[in-house]
Protein backbone atom coordinates (compact mmCIF):
# COMPACT_ATOMS: atom_id res chain seq x y z
CA UNK A 1 -19.04 -4.41 -41.23
CA UNK A 2 -15.37 -3.59 -41.73
CA UNK A 3 -15.62 -0.59 -39.41
CA UNK A 4 -17.10 -2.64 -36.58
CA UNK A 5 -14.38 -5.26 -37.03
CA UNK A 6 -11.63 -2.65 -36.53
CA UNK A 7 -13.45 -1.20 -33.52
CA UNK A 8 -13.49 -4.69 -32.02
CA UNK A 9 -9.79 -5.20 -32.72
CA UNK A 10 -8.99 -1.80 -31.20
CA UNK A 11 -11.02 -2.63 -28.09
CA UNK A 12 -9.18 -5.94 -27.65
CA UNK A 13 -5.79 -4.24 -28.04
CA UNK A 14 -6.70 -1.63 -25.41
CA UNK A 15 -7.87 -4.30 -22.96
CA UNK A 16 -4.65 -6.29 -23.55
CA UNK A 17 -2.51 -3.19 -22.89
CA UNK A 18 -4.38 -2.40 -19.68
CA UNK A 19 -3.95 -6.00 -18.51
CA UNK A 20 -0.24 -5.96 -19.37
CA UNK A 21 0.45 -2.71 -17.53
CA UNK A 22 -1.58 -3.72 -14.45
CA UNK A 23 0.00 -7.17 -14.23
CA UNK A 24 3.60 -5.89 -14.23
CA UNK A 25 5.22 -6.27 -10.83
CA UNK A 26 5.67 -3.07 -8.88
CA UNK A 27 9.16 -1.76 -8.17
CA UNK A 28 8.77 -2.38 -4.43
CA UNK A 29 6.78 -5.65 -4.49
CA UNK A 30 9.56 -7.69 -2.86
CA UNK A 31 10.24 -5.00 -0.27
CA UNK A 32 6.53 -4.67 0.60
CA UNK A 33 6.15 -8.45 0.87
CA UNK A 34 9.21 -8.59 3.14
CA UNK A 35 7.72 -5.90 5.42
CA UNK A 36 4.56 -7.97 5.73
CA UNK A 37 6.52 -11.19 6.29
CA UNK A 38 8.53 -9.45 9.03
CA UNK A 39 5.33 -8.39 10.83
CA UNK A 40 5.27 -4.67 9.97
CA UNK A 41 1.79 -3.15 9.89
CA UNK A 42 0.66 0.36 9.05
CA UNK A 43 -2.48 1.74 10.69
CA UNK A 44 -4.07 4.67 8.91
CA UNK A 45 -7.15 6.46 7.69
CA UNK A 46 -8.33 7.06 4.14
CA UNK A 47 -8.71 10.81 4.76
CA UNK A 48 -5.22 11.21 6.29
CA UNK A 49 -2.87 13.14 3.98
CA UNK A 50 0.23 11.67 5.66
CA UNK A 51 -1.16 8.16 5.12
CA UNK A 52 -1.74 8.93 1.45
CA UNK A 53 1.84 10.18 1.13
CA UNK A 54 3.11 7.01 2.82
CA UNK A 55 1.12 4.83 0.43
CA UNK A 56 2.39 6.81 -2.55
CA UNK A 57 6.01 5.90 -1.71
CA UNK A 58 5.19 2.27 -2.52
CA UNK A 59 3.38 3.00 -5.78
CA UNK A 60 1.65 -0.07 -7.20
CA UNK A 61 3.32 -2.23 -4.55
CA UNK A 62 1.19 -0.74 -1.76
CA UNK A 63 -1.34 -3.58 -1.94
CA UNK A 64 1.37 -5.94 -0.65
CA UNK A 65 1.85 -3.96 2.59
CA UNK A 66 -0.04 -5.08 5.69
CA UNK A 67 -2.41 -2.13 6.20
CA UNK A 68 -5.25 -1.63 8.67
CA UNK A 69 -7.86 1.02 7.88
CA UNK A 70 -8.87 2.71 11.12
CA UNK A 71 -11.50 5.15 9.93
CA UNK A 72 -15.17 4.36 9.65
CA UNK A 73 -16.55 4.99 6.14
CA UNK A 74 -18.13 8.30 7.18
CA UNK A 75 -14.87 9.48 8.78
CA UNK A 76 -16.61 10.03 12.13
CA UNK A 77 -15.05 7.36 14.26
CA UNK A 78 -12.61 4.51 14.46
CA UNK A 79 -12.87 0.81 13.68
CA UNK A 80 -12.97 -1.54 16.64
CA UNK A 81 -9.62 -3.13 15.80
CA UNK A 82 -7.90 0.27 16.01
CA UNK A 83 -9.69 1.09 19.27
CA UNK A 84 -8.56 -2.27 20.66
CA UNK A 85 -4.98 -1.64 19.45
CA UNK A 86 -4.93 1.81 21.05
CA UNK A 87 -4.24 3.67 17.79
CA UNK A 88 -4.70 7.39 18.41
CA UNK A 89 -3.07 9.05 15.38
CA UNK A 90 -2.14 8.26 11.80
CA UNK A 91 -0.09 6.84 10.30
CA UNK A 92 1.32 4.43 12.87
CA UNK A 93 3.75 1.65 12.02
CA UNK A 94 3.97 -1.35 14.33
CA UNK A 95 6.74 -3.90 14.08
CA UNK A 96 7.03 -7.52 15.19
CA UNK A 97 9.31 -6.57 18.10
CA UNK A 98 6.57 -4.33 19.53
CA UNK A 99 8.19 -1.08 18.39
CA UNK A 100 5.67 1.55 17.31
CA UNK A 101 6.48 4.69 15.33
CA UNK A 102 4.02 7.45 14.44
CA UNK A 103 4.29 9.49 11.28
CA UNK A 104 5.49 8.98 7.75
CA UNK A 105 8.59 6.83 7.44
CA UNK A 106 10.98 6.75 4.52
CA UNK A 107 11.53 3.47 2.74
CA UNK A 108 15.09 3.55 4.09
CA UNK A 109 13.77 3.83 7.67
CA UNK A 110 11.39 0.93 7.10
CA UNK A 111 14.29 -1.06 5.69
CA UNK A 112 16.46 -0.38 8.73
CA UNK A 113 13.68 -1.28 11.20
CA UNK A 114 12.92 -4.59 9.48
CA UNK A 115 16.08 -5.67 7.69
CA UNK A 116 14.19 -5.77 4.39
CA UNK A 117 16.37 -4.75 1.47
CA UNK A 118 15.35 -2.08 -0.99
CA UNK A 119 15.64 -2.74 -4.71
CA UNK A 120 18.76 -1.35 -6.38
CA UNK A 121 18.20 1.80 -8.40
């Protein structure tokens, strides 16, 4: 009985630690939210290595960026929204002023295009 009690306590502690770590704000949360508020959108594909690198720059804050997945699940085609938007390569960033830039952008470039400030190091 004592052994099962300690296993239960250990399980609860592990779950609490996972919750704590996952609920901490990401370093770039504010920056990513600002990009979205300013109308910046990234179009990409799950299989695109440049898209993965772009996402990695944001770390856990990526889920706050306005992102449109263009690839069909089997990787053999494009979603209708990306066809309608004329997206032909990945990644593509579109901004509220209509500017469109293909390729990976640094966080500093995204900041200069949108006026969103980066967190201080």
